[in-house]
Amino acid sequence: YLKHFGKTLPIEVYNKYTTKQDLDFFLSEMRSKVLGLIS
């Protein structure tokens, strides 16, 4: 997906196995950063 747009970004996996701790991390990141989500 990113290659199509000529962009590189850090990637974190978000799927049905994502834990509550992962969600808490994403939430803390969104307080100061912009996160994108794709399926």
PDB file of all heavy atoms in Angstrom:
ATOM      1  N   TYR A   1       0.835  -1.200   0.000  1.00  0.00           N
ATOM      2  CA  TYR A   1       0.000   0.000   0.000  1.00  0.00           C
ATOM      3  C   TYR A   1       0.870   1.250   0.000  1.00  0.00           C
ATOM      4  O   TYR A   1       0.699   2.137  -0.830  1.00  0.00           O
ATOM      5  CB  TYR A   1      -0.896  -0.042   1.241  1.00  0.00           C
ATOM      6  CG  TYR A   1      -1.941   1.036   1.332  1.00  0.00           C
ATOM      7  CD1 TYR A   1      -3.169   0.873   0.701  1.00  0.00           C
ATOM      8  CD2 TYR A   1      -1.736   2.187   2.078  1.00  0.00           C
ATOM      9  CE1 TYR A   1      -4.162   1.841   0.806  1.00  0.00           C
ATOM     10  CE2 TYR A   1      -2.714   3.158   2.188  1.00  0.00           C
ATOM     11  CZ  TYR A   1      -3.928   2.974   1.552  1.00  0.00           C
ATOM     12  OH  TYR A   1      -4.898   3.934   1.660  1.00  0.00           O
ATOM     13  N   LEU A   2       1.810   1.314   0.918  1.00  0.00           N
ATOM     14  CA  LEU A   2       2.682   2.488   1.012  1.00  0.00           C
ATOM     15  C   LEU A   2       3.541   2.658  -0.234  1.00  0.00           C
ATOM     16  O   LEU A   2       3.785   3.776  -0.682  1.00  0.00           O
ATOM     17  CB  LEU A   2       3.558   2.395   2.258  1.00  0.00           C
ATOM     18  CG  LEU A   2       2.824   2.535   3.593  1.00  0.00           C
ATOM     19  CD1 LEU A   2       3.765   2.244   4.747  1.00  0.00           C
ATOM     20  CD2 LEU A   2       2.198   3.913   3.729  1.00  0.00           C
ATOM     21  N   LYS A   3       4.007   1.547  -0.789  1.00  0.00           N
ATOM     22  CA  LYS A   3       4.839   1.602  -1.994  1.00  0.00           C
ATOM     23  C   LYS A   3       4.079   2.266  -3.136  1.00  0.00           C
ATOM     24  O   LYS A   3       4.662   3.036  -3.904  1.00  0.00           O
ATOM     25  CB  LYS A   3       5.281   0.192  -2.388  1.00  0.00           C
ATOM     26  CG  LYS A   3       6.192   0.155  -3.586  1.00  0.00           C
ATOM     27  CD  LYS A   3       6.629  -1.264  -3.900  1.00  0.00           C
ATOM     28  CE  LYS A   3       7.536  -1.265  -5.116  1.00  0.00           C
ATOM     29  NZ  LYS A   3       7.931  -2.623  -5.489  1.00  0.00           N
ATOM     30  N   HIS A   4       2.797   1.980  -3.234  1.00  0.00           N
ATOM     31  CA  HIS A   4       1.982   2.590  -4.288  1.00  0.00           C
ATOM     32  C   HIS A   4       2.015   4.114  -4.196  1.00  0.00           C
ATOM     33  O   HIS A   4       1.977   4.807  -5.210  1.00  0.00           O
ATOM     34  CB  HIS A   4       0.539   2.086  -4.222  1.00  0.00           C
ATOM     35  CG  HIS A   4      -0.350   2.714  -5.243  1.00  0.00           C
ATOM     36  ND1 HIS A   4      -0.356   2.312  -6.554  1.00  0.00           N
ATOM     37  CD2 HIS A   4      -1.225   3.737  -5.158  1.00  0.00           C
ATOM     38  CE1 HIS A   4      -1.208   3.056  -7.234  1.00  0.00           C
ATOM     39  NE2 HIS A   4      -1.754   3.929  -6.413  1.00  0.00           N
ATOM     40  N   PHE A   5       2.096   4.639  -2.978  1.00  0.00           N
ATOM     41  CA  PHE A   5       2.098   6.082  -2.768  1.00  0.00           C
ATOM     42  C   PHE A   5       3.507   6.655  -2.609  1.00  0.00           C
ATOM     43  O   PHE A   5       3.670   7.841  -2.338  1.00  0.00           O
ATOM     44  CB  PHE A   5       1.252   6.437  -1.541  1.00  0.00           C
ATOM     45  CG  PHE A   5      -0.201   6.109  -1.729  1.00  0.00           C
ATOM     46  CD1 PHE A   5      -0.740   4.951  -1.193  1.00  0.00           C
ATOM     47  CD2 PHE A   5      -1.026   6.937  -2.469  1.00  0.00           C
ATOM     48  CE1 PHE A   5      -2.075   4.630  -1.376  1.00  0.00           C
ATOM     49  CE2 PHE A   5      -2.363   6.628  -2.670  1.00  0.00           C
ATOM     50  CZ  PHE A   5      -2.886   5.472  -2.119  1.00  0.00           C
ATOM     51  N   GLY A   6       4.518   5.804  -2.756  1.00  0.00           N
ATOM     52  CA  GLY A   6       5.896   6.272  -2.635  1.00  0.00           C
ATOM     53  C   GLY A   6       6.247   6.723  -1.229  1.00  0.00           C
ATOM     54  O   GLY A   6       7.039   7.636  -1.046  1.00  0.00           O
ATOM     55  N   LYS A   7       5.678   6.066  -0.239  1.00  0.00           N
ATOM     56  CA  LYS A   7       5.841   6.478   1.163  1.00  0.00           C
ATOM     57  C   LYS A   7       6.392   5.323   1.986  1.00  0.00           C
ATOM     58  O   LYS A   7       6.092   4.164   1.740  1.00  0.00           O
ATOM     59  CB  LYS A   7       4.467   6.906   1.702  1.00  0.00           C
ATOM     60  CG  LYS A   7       4.439   7.386   3.107  1.00  0.00           C
ATOM     61  CD  LYS A   7       4.873   8.822   3.195  1.00  0.00           C
ATOM     62  CE  LYS A   7       4.665   9.327   4.618  1.00  0.00           C
ATOM     63  NZ  LYS A   7       5.303  10.575   4.872  1.00  0.00           N
ATOM     64  N   THR A   8       7.226   5.650   2.959  1.00  0.00           N
ATOM     65  CA  THR A   8       7.655   4.661   3.944  1.00  0.00           C
ATOM     66  C   THR A   8       7.257   5.180   5.319  1.00  0.00           C
ATOM     67  O   THR A   8       7.386   6.372   5.601  1.00  0.00           O
ATOM     68  CB  THR A   8       9.174   4.414   3.901  1.00  0.00           C
ATOM     69  OG1 THR A   8       9.847   5.654   4.100  1.00  0.00           O
ATOM     70  CG2 THR A   8       9.599   3.810   2.586  1.00  0.00           C
ATOM     71  N   LEU A   9       6.753   4.297   6.138  1.00  0.00           N
ATOM     72  CA  LEU A   9       6.309   4.629   7.495  1.00  0.00           C
ATOM     73  C   LEU A   9       6.562   3.434   8.404  1.00  0.00           C
ATOM     74  O   LEU A   9       6.585   2.291   7.937  1.00  0.00           O
ATOM     75  CB  LEU A   9       4.800   4.888   7.519  1.00  0.00           C
ATOM     76  CG  LEU A   9       4.252   6.167   6.942  1.00  0.00           C
ATOM     77  CD1 LEU A   9       2.734   6.086   6.842  1.00  0.00           C
ATOM     78  CD2 LEU A   9       4.660   7.340   7.800  1.00  0.00           C
ATOM     79  N   PRO A  10       6.679   3.683   9.698  1.00  0.00           N
ATOM     80  CA  PRO A  10       6.669   2.556  10.628  1.00  0.00           C
ATOM     81  C   PRO A  10       5.298   1.883  10.559  1.00  0.00           C
ATOM     82  O   PRO A  10       4.277   2.559  10.387  1.00  0.00           O
ATOM     83  CB  PRO A  10       6.897   3.199  11.993  1.00  0.00           C
ATOM     84  CG  PRO A  10       7.272   4.613  11.749  1.00  0.00           C
ATOM     85  CD  PRO A  10       6.858   4.961  10.365  1.00  0.00           C
ATOM     86  N   ILE A  11       5.293   0.568  10.684  1.00  0.00           N
ATOM     87  CA  ILE A  11       4.056  -0.212  10.601  1.00  0.00           C
ATOM     88  C   ILE A  11       3.905  -1.043  11.865  1.00  0.00           C
ATOM     89  O   ILE A  11       4.858  -1.701  12.301  1.00  0.00           O
ATOM     90  CB  ILE A  11       4.074  -1.143   9.369  1.00  0.00           C
ATOM     91  CG1 ILE A  11       4.196  -0.327   8.089  1.00  0.00           C
ATOM     92  CG2 ILE A  11       2.847  -2.043   9.347  1.00  0.00           C
ATOM     93  CD1 ILE A  11       4.524  -1.159   6.861  1.00  0.00           C
ATOM     94  N   GLU A  12       2.704  -1.029  12.418  1.00  0.00           N
ATOM     95  CA  GLU A  12       2.334  -1.906  13.532  1.00  0.00           C
ATOM     96  C   GLU A  12       1.159  -2.749  13.067  1.00  0.00           C
ATOM     97  O   GLU A  12       0.264  -2.247  12.371  1.00  0.00           O
ATOM     98  CB  GLU A  12       1.921  -1.099  14.770  1.00  0.00           C
ATOM     99  CG  GLU A  12       3.041  -0.335  15.424  1.00  0.00           C
ATOM    100  CD  GLU A  12       3.967  -1.218  16.263  1.00  0.00           C
ATOM    101  OE1 GLU A  12       3.560  -2.329  16.659  1.00  0.00           O
ATOM    102  OE2 GLU A  12       5.093  -0.777  16.509  1.00  0.00           O
ATOM    103  N   VAL A  13       1.143  -4.017  13.455  1.00  0.00           N
ATOM    104  CA  VAL A  13       0.054  -4.905  13.062  1.00  0.00           C
ATOM    105  C   VAL A  13      -1.147  -4.665  13.978  1.00  0.00           C
ATOM    106  O   VAL A  13      -1.018  -4.590  15.195  1.00  0.00           O
ATOM    107  CB  VAL A  13       0.497  -6.383  13.122  1.00  0.00           C
ATOM    108  CG1 VAL A  13      -0.676  -7.314  12.887  1.00  0.00           C
ATOM    109  CG2 VAL A  13       1.593  -6.644  12.096  1.00  0.00           C
ATOM    110  N   TYR A  14      -2.310  -4.496  13.361  1.00  0.00           N
ATOM    111  CA  TYR A  14      -3.583  -4.373  14.064  1.00  0.00           C
ATOM    112  C   TYR A  14      -4.537  -5.361  13.409  1.00  0.00           C
ATOM    113  O   TYR A  14      -4.927  -5.187  12.250  1.00  0.00           O
ATOM    114  CB  TYR A  14      -4.133  -2.946  13.964  1.00  0.00           C
ATOM    115  CG  TYR A  14      -5.472  -2.801  14.660  1.00  0.00           C
ATOM    116  CD1 TYR A  14      -5.538  -2.463  16.000  1.00  0.00           C
ATOM    117  CD2 TYR A  14      -6.652  -3.045  13.987  1.00  0.00           C
ATOM    118  CE1 TYR A  14      -6.754  -2.368  16.651  1.00  0.00           C
ATOM    119  CE2 TYR A  14      -7.871  -2.952  14.625  1.00  0.00           C
ATOM    120  CZ  TYR A  14      -7.922  -2.615  15.946  1.00  0.00           C
ATOM    121  OH  TYR A  14      -9.130  -2.531  16.587  1.00  0.00           O
ATOM    122  N   ASN A  15      -4.864  -6.425  14.132  1.00  0.00           N
ATOM    123  CA  ASN A  15      -5.764  -7.441  13.593  1.00  0.00           C
ATOM    124  C   ASN A  15      -6.545  -8.079  14.746  1.00  0.00           C
ATOM    125  O   ASN A  15      -6.549  -7.545  15.858  1.00  0.00           O
ATOM    126  CB  ASN A  15      -4.997  -8.482  12.766  1.00  0.00           C
ATOM    127  CG  ASN A  15      -3.908  -9.166  13.561  1.00  0.00           C
ATOM    128  OD1 ASN A  15      -3.981  -9.298  14.773  1.00  0.00           O
ATOM    129  ND2 ASN A  15      -2.865  -9.617  12.872  1.00  0.00           N
ATOM    130  N   LYS A  16      -7.167  -9.202  14.490  1.00  0.00           N
ATOM    131  CA  LYS A  16      -8.000  -9.828  15.528  1.00  0.00           C
ATOM    132  C   LYS A  16      -7.182 -10.326  16.716  1.00  0.00           C
ATOM    133  O   LYS A  16      -7.742 -10.639  17.757  1.00  0.00           O
ATOM    134  CB  LYS A  16      -8.841 -10.956  14.928  1.00  0.00           C
ATOM    135  CG  LYS A  16      -8.039 -12.103  14.353  1.00  0.00           C
ATOM    136  CD  LYS A  16      -8.959 -13.111  13.708  1.00  0.00           C
ATOM    137  CE  LYS A  16      -8.168 -14.246  13.085  1.00  0.00           C
ATOM    138  NZ  LYS A  16      -9.052 -15.209  12.422  1.00  0.00           N
ATOM    139  N   TYR A  17      -5.873 -10.361  16.597  1.00  0.00           N
ATOM    140  CA  TYR A  17      -5.015 -10.808  17.696  1.00  0.00           C
ATOM    141  C   TYR A  17      -4.419  -9.643  18.495  1.00  0.00           C
ATOM    142  O   TYR A  17      -3.641  -9.847  19.413  1.00  0.00           O
ATOM    143  CB  TYR A  17      -3.884 -11.686  17.163  1.00  0.00           C
ATOM    144  CG  TYR A  17      -4.394 -12.886  16.397  1.00  0.00           C
ATOM    145  CD1 TYR A  17      -4.250 -12.953  15.010  1.00  0.00           C
ATOM    146  CD2 TYR A  17      -5.048 -13.923  17.045  1.00  0.00           C
ATOM    147  CE1 TYR A  17      -4.743 -14.037  14.299  1.00  0.00           C
ATOM    148  CE2 TYR A  17      -5.547 -14.999  16.335  1.00  0.00           C
ATOM    149  CZ  TYR A  17      -5.381 -15.055  14.971  1.00  0.00           C
ATOM    150  OH  TYR A  17      -5.875 -16.124  14.271  1.00  0.00           O
ATOM    151  N   THR A  18      -4.780  -8.433  18.147  1.00  0.00           N
ATOM    152  CA  THR A  18      -4.272  -7.254  18.846  1.00  0.00           C
ATOM    153  C   THR A  18      -4.749  -7.280  20.296  1.00  0.00           C
ATOM    154  O   THR A  18      -5.931  -7.513  20.558  1.00  0.00           O
ATOM    155  CB  THR A  18      -4.745  -5.971  18.134  1.00  0.00           C
ATOM    156  OG1 THR A  18      -4.209  -5.977  16.810  1.00  0.00           O
ATOM    157  CG2 THR A  18      -4.276  -4.725  18.851  1.00  0.00           C
ATOM    158  N   THR A  19      -3.832  -7.024  21.214  1.00  0.00           N
ATOM    159  CA  THR A  19      -4.141  -7.100  22.648  1.00  0.00           C
ATOM    160  C   THR A  19      -4.587  -5.743  23.193  1.00  0.00           C
ATOM    161  O   THR A  19      -4.417  -4.707  22.546  1.00  0.00           O
ATOM    162  CB  THR A  19      -2.903  -7.553  23.439  1.00  0.00           C
ATOM    163  OG1 THR A  19      -1.897  -6.530  23.330  1.00  0.00           O
ATOM    164  CG2 THR A  19      -2.362  -8.878  22.922  1.00  0.00           C
ATOM    165  N   LYS A  20      -5.113  -5.752  24.393  1.00  0.00           N
ATOM    166  CA  LYS A  20      -5.490  -4.509  25.064  1.00  0.00           C
ATOM    167  C   LYS A  20      -4.263  -3.634  25.277  1.00  0.00           C
ATOM    168  O   LYS A  20      -4.332  -2.406  25.149  1.00  0.00           O
ATOM    169  CB  LYS A  20      -6.162  -4.799  26.398  1.00  0.00           C
ATOM    170  CG  LYS A  20      -6.454  -3.513  27.165  1.00  0.00           C
ATOM    171  CD  LYS A  20      -7.513  -3.640  28.175  1.00  0.00           C
ATOM    172  CE  LYS A  20      -7.797  -2.400  28.966  1.00  0.00           C
ATOM    173  NZ  LYS A  20      -7.114  -1.183  28.674  1.00  0.00           N
ATOM    174  N   GLN A  21      -3.127  -4.242  25.569  1.00  0.00           N
ATOM    175  CA  GLN A  21      -1.892  -3.476  25.736  1.00  0.00           C
ATOM    176  C   GLN A  21      -1.512  -2.770  24.437  1.00  0.00           C
ATOM    177  O   GLN A  21      -1.056  -1.631  24.457  1.00  0.00           O
ATOM    178  CB  GLN A  21      -0.734  -4.379  26.208  1.00  0.00           C
ATOM    179  CG  GLN A  21      -0.892  -4.898  27.619  1.00  0.00           C
ATOM    180  CD  GLN A  21      -1.816  -6.114  27.713  1.00  0.00           C
ATOM    181  OE1 GLN A  21      -2.219  -6.705  26.711  1.00  0.00           O
ATOM    182  NE2 GLN A  21      -2.193  -6.464  28.920  1.00  0.00           N
ATOM    183  N   ASP A  22      -1.709  -3.452  23.321  1.00  0.00           N
ATOM    184  CA  ASP A  22      -1.458  -2.827  22.015  1.00  0.00           C
ATOM    185  C   ASP A  22      -2.385  -1.639  21.808  1.00  0.00           C
ATOM    186  O   ASP A  22      -1.953  -0.574  21.367  1.00  0.00           O
ATOM    187  CB  ASP A  22      -1.657  -3.828  20.865  1.00  0.00           C
ATOM    188  CG  ASP A  22      -0.632  -4.945  20.854  1.00  0.00           C
ATOM    189  OD1 ASP A  22       0.506  -4.724  21.300  1.00  0.00           O
ATOM    190  OD2 ASP A  22      -0.989  -6.042  20.388  1.00  0.00           O
ATOM    191  N   LEU A  23      -3.667  -1.825  22.124  1.00  0.00           N
ATOM    192  CA  LEU A  23      -4.634  -0.738  21.978  1.00  0.00           C
ATOM    193  C   LEU A  23      -4.250   0.455  22.847  1.00  0.00           C
ATOM    194  O   LEU A  23      -4.336   1.602  22.414  1.00  0.00           O
ATOM    195  CB  LEU A  23      -6.039  -1.213  22.330  1.00  0.00           C
ATOM    196  CG  LEU A  23      -6.708  -2.159  21.327  1.00  0.00           C
ATOM    197  CD1 LEU A  23      -8.037  -2.665  21.878  1.00  0.00           C
ATOM    198  CD2 LEU A  23      -6.903  -1.486  19.994  1.00  0.00           C
ATOM    199  N   ASP A  24      -3.810   0.186  24.066  1.00  0.00           N
ATOM    200  CA  ASP A  24      -3.374   1.265  24.958  1.00  0.00           C
ATOM    201  C   ASP A  24      -2.172   2.006  24.375  1.00  0.00           C
ATOM    202  O   ASP A  24      -2.082   3.227  24.459  1.00  0.00           O
ATOM    203  CB  ASP A  24      -3.030   0.721  26.347  1.00  0.00           C
ATOM    204  CG  ASP A  24      -4.263   0.253  27.111  1.00  0.00           C
ATOM    205  OD1 ASP A  24      -5.389   0.669  26.749  1.00  0.00           O
ATOM    206  OD2 ASP A  24      -4.097  -0.536  28.062  1.00  0.00           O
ATOM    207  N   PHE A  25      -1.240   1.260  23.777  1.00  0.00           N
ATOM    208  CA  PHE A  25      -0.081   1.879  23.129  1.00  0.00           C
ATOM    209  C   PHE A  25      -0.528   2.767  21.970  1.00  0.00           C
ATOM    210  O   PHE A  25      -0.087   3.913  21.842  1.00  0.00           O
ATOM    211  CB  PHE A  25       0.903   0.817  22.637  1.00  0.00           C
ATOM    212  CG  PHE A  25       1.971   1.362  21.739  1.00  0.00           C
ATOM    213  CD1 PHE A  25       3.012   2.128  22.245  1.00  0.00           C
ATOM    214  CD2 PHE A  25       1.932   1.121  20.367  1.00  0.00           C
ATOM    215  CE1 PHE A  25       3.984   2.647  21.410  1.00  0.00           C
ATOM    216  CE2 PHE A  25       2.904   1.635  19.522  1.00  0.00           C
ATOM    217  CZ  PHE A  25       3.935   2.402  20.049  1.00  0.00           C
ATOM    218  N   PHE A  26      -1.422   2.251  21.126  1.00  0.00           N
ATOM    219  CA  PHE A  26      -1.913   3.035  19.992  1.00  0.00           C
ATOM    220  C   PHE A  26      -2.611   4.302  20.481  1.00  0.00           C
ATOM    221  O   PHE A  26      -2.420   5.381  19.918  1.00  0.00           O
ATOM    222  CB  PHE A  26      -2.864   2.213  19.122  1.00  0.00           C
ATOM    223  CG  PHE A  26      -2.262   0.964  18.532  1.00  0.00           C
ATOM    224  CD1 PHE A  26      -3.049  -0.139  18.266  1.00  0.00           C
ATOM    225  CD2 PHE A  26      -0.902   0.881  18.248  1.00  0.00           C
ATOM    226  CE1 PHE A  26      -2.514  -1.292  17.710  1.00  0.00           C
ATOM    227  CE2 PHE A  26      -0.348  -0.266  17.692  1.00  0.00           C
ATOM    228  CZ  PHE A  26      -1.160  -1.356  17.431  1.00  0.00           C
ATOM    229  N   LEU A  27      -3.396   4.150  21.540  1.00  0.00           N
ATOM    230  CA  LEU A  27      -4.093   5.308  22.103  1.00  0.00           C
ATOM    231  C   LEU A  27      -3.104   6.365  22.583  1.00  0.00           C
ATOM    232  O   LEU A  27      -3.266   7.557  22.300  1.00  0.00           O
ATOM    233  CB  LEU A  27      -4.991   4.863  23.252  1.00  0.00           C
ATOM    234  CG  LEU A  27      -5.814   5.935  23.935  1.00  0.00           C
ATOM    235  CD1 LEU A  27      -6.823   6.532  22.968  1.00  0.00           C
ATOM    236  CD2 LEU A  27      -6.514   5.362  25.149  1.00  0.00           C
ATOM    237  N   SER A  28      -2.059   5.946  23.262  1.00  0.00           N
ATOM    238  CA  SER A  28      -1.063   6.909  23.744  1.00  0.00           C
ATOM    239  C   SER A  28      -0.340   7.578  22.573  1.00  0.00           C
ATOM    240  O   SER A  28      -0.047   8.773  22.632  1.00  0.00           O
ATOM    241  CB  SER A  28      -0.063   6.241  24.687  1.00  0.00           C
ATOM    242  OG  SER A  28       0.769   5.338  23.994  1.00  0.00           O
ATOM    243  N   GLU A  29      -0.082   6.852  21.516  1.00  0.00           N
ATOM    244  CA  GLU A  29       0.566   7.420  20.330  1.00  0.00           C
ATOM    245  C   GLU A  29      -0.329   8.461  19.657  1.00  0.00           C
ATOM    246  O   GLU A  29       0.156   9.490  19.188  1.00  0.00           O
ATOM    247  CB  GLU A  29       0.918   6.318  19.323  1.00  0.00           C
ATOM    248  CG  GLU A  29       2.056   5.417  19.764  1.00  0.00           C
ATOM    249  CD  GLU A  29       3.385   6.138  19.773  1.00  0.00           C
ATOM    250  OE1 GLU A  29       3.896   6.466  18.696  1.00  0.00           O
ATOM    251  OE2 GLU A  29       3.894   6.386  20.883  1.00  0.00           O
ATOM    252  N   MET A  30      -1.638   8.209  19.650  1.00  0.00           N
ATOM    253  CA  MET A  30      -2.560   9.125  18.975  1.00  0.00           C
ATOM    254  C   MET A  30      -2.724  10.452  19.712  1.00  0.00           C
ATOM    255  O   MET A  30      -3.252  11.399  19.149  1.00  0.00           O
ATOM    256  CB  MET A  30      -3.924   8.464  18.783  1.00  0.00           C
ATOM    257  CG  MET A  30      -3.921   7.470  17.652  1.00  0.00           C
ATOM    258  SD  MET A  30      -5.551   6.795  17.328  1.00  0.00           S
ATOM    259  CE  MET A  30      -5.659   5.542  18.598  1.00  0.00           C
ATOM    260  N   ARG A  31      -2.272  10.519  20.917  1.00  0.00           N
ATOM    261  CA  ARG A  31      -2.362  11.781  21.661  1.00  0.00           C
ATOM    262  C   ARG A  31      -1.399  12.827  21.097  1.00  0.00           C
ATOM    263  O   ARG A  31      -1.632  14.016  21.247  1.00  0.00           O
ATOM    264  CB  ARG A  31      -2.112  11.545  23.134  1.00  0.00           C
ATOM    265  CG  ARG A  31      -3.187  10.682  23.774  1.00  0.00           C
ATOM    266  CD  ARG A  31      -3.132  10.711  25.278  1.00  0.00           C
ATOM    267  NE  ARG A  31      -4.017   9.739  25.869  1.00  0.00           N
ATOM    268  CZ  ARG A  31      -5.334   9.853  25.960  1.00  0.00           C
ATOM    269  NH1 ARG A  31      -5.922  10.908  25.452  1.00  0.00           N
ATOM    270  NH2 ARG A  31      -6.064   8.925  26.537  1.00  0.00           N
ATOM    271  N   SER A  32      -0.326  12.370  20.445  1.00  0.00           N
ATOM    272  CA  SER A  32       0.642  13.327  19.903  1.00  0.00           C
ATOM    273  C   SER A  32       0.983  13.089  18.432  1.00  0.00           C
ATOM    274  O   SER A  32       1.703  13.879  17.839  1.00  0.00           O
ATOM    275  CB  SER A  32       1.943  13.268  20.726  1.00  0.00           C
ATOM    276  OG  SER A  32       2.510  11.973  20.652  1.00  0.00           O
ATOM    277  N   LYS A  33       0.483  12.018  17.856  1.00  0.00           N
ATOM    278  CA  LYS A  33       0.799  11.673  16.471  1.00  0.00           C
ATOM    279  C   LYS A  33      -0.472  11.357  15.698  1.00  0.00           C
ATOM    280  O   LYS A  33      -1.530  11.147  16.272  1.00  0.00           O
ATOM    281  CB  LYS A  33       1.712  10.437  16.432  1.00  0.00           C
ATOM    282  CG  LYS A  33       3.059  10.648  17.086  1.00  0.00           C
ATOM    283  CD  LYS A  33       3.878   9.382  17.031  1.00  0.00           C
ATOM    284  CE  LYS A  33       5.230   9.599  17.720  1.00  0.00           C
ATOM    285  NZ  LYS A  33       5.989   8.367  17.801  1.00  0.00           N
ATOM    286  N   VAL A  34      -0.320  11.293  14.389  1.00  0.00           N
ATOM    287  CA  VAL A  34      -1.418  10.880  13.512  1.00  0.00           C
ATOM    288  C   VAL A  34      -1.160   9.438  13.109  1.00  0.00           C
ATOM    289  O   VAL A  34      -0.098   9.118  12.558  1.00  0.00           O
ATOM    290  CB  VAL A  34      -1.508  11.777  12.259  1.00  0.00           C
ATOM    291  CG1 VAL A  34      -2.604  11.279  11.322  1.00  0.00           C
ATOM    292  CG2 VAL A  34      -1.745  13.224  12.654  1.00  0.00           C
ATOM    293  N   LEU A  35      -2.118   8.566  13.396  1.00  0.00           N
ATOM    294  CA  LEU A  35      -2.020   7.166  13.003  1.00  0.00           C
ATOM    295  C   LEU A  35      -2.992   6.901  11.870  1.00  0.00           C
ATOM    296  O   LEU A  35      -4.098   7.458  11.842  1.00  0.00           O
ATOM    297  CB  LEU A  35      -2.349   6.239  14.179  1.00  0.00           C
ATOM    298  CG  LEU A  35      -1.196   5.893  15.123  1.00  0.00           C
ATOM    299  CD1 LEU A  35      -0.643   7.110  15.809  1.00  0.00           C
ATOM    300  CD2 LEU A  35      -1.620   4.846  16.125  1.00  0.00           C
ATOM    301  N   GLY A  36      -2.573   6.075  10.941  1.00  0.00           N
ATOM    302  CA  GLY A  36      -3.442   5.631   9.868  1.00  0.00           C
ATOM    303  C   GLY A  36      -3.786   4.180  10.094  1.00  0.00           C
ATOM    304  O   GLY A  36      -3.001   3.439  10.686  1.00  0.00           O
ATOM    305  N   LEU A  37      -4.957   3.757   9.666  1.00  0.00           N
ATOM    306  CA  LEU A  37      -5.383   2.368   9.801  1.00  0.00           C
ATOM    307  C   LEU A  37      -5.905   1.881   8.462  1.00  0.00           C
ATOM    308  O   LEU A  37      -6.783   2.509   7.863  1.00  0.00           O
ATOM    309  CB  LEU A  37      -6.479   2.254  10.866  1.00  0.00           C
ATOM    310  CG  LEU A  37      -7.122   0.876  11.034  1.00  0.00           C
ATOM    311  CD1 LEU A  37      -6.104  -0.168  11.497  1.00  0.00           C
ATOM    312  CD2 LEU A  37      -8.283   0.956  12.018  1.00  0.00           C
ATOM    313  N   ILE A  38      -5.333   0.779   7.979  1.00  0.00           N
ATOM    314  CA  ILE A  38      -5.846   0.127   6.769  1.00  0.00           C
ATOM    315  C   ILE A  38      -6.143  -1.328   7.083  1.00  0.00           C
ATOM    316  O   ILE A  38      -5.543  -1.933   7.978  1.00  0.00           O
ATOM    317  CB  ILE A  38      -4.864   0.197   5.571  1.00  0.00           C
ATOM    318  CG1 ILE A  38      -3.544  -0.501   5.886  1.00  0.00           C
ATOM    319  CG2 ILE A  38      -4.655   1.605   5.111  1.00  0.00           C
ATOM    320  CD1 ILE A  38      -2.669  -0.739   4.674  1.00  0.00           C
ATOM    321  N   SER A  39      -7.082  -1.885   6.343  1.00  0.00           N
ATOM    322  CA  SER A  39      -7.315  -3.317   6.386  1.00  0.00           C
ATOM    323  C   SER A  39      -6.711  -3.896   5.109  1.00  0.00           C
ATOM    324  O   SER A  39      -6.247  -3.160   4.252  1.00  0.00           O
ATOM    325  CB  SER A  39      -8.819  -3.605   6.494  1.00  0.00           C
ATOM    326  OG  SER A  39      -9.500  -3.060   5.406  1.00  0.00           O
TER     327      SER A  39
END
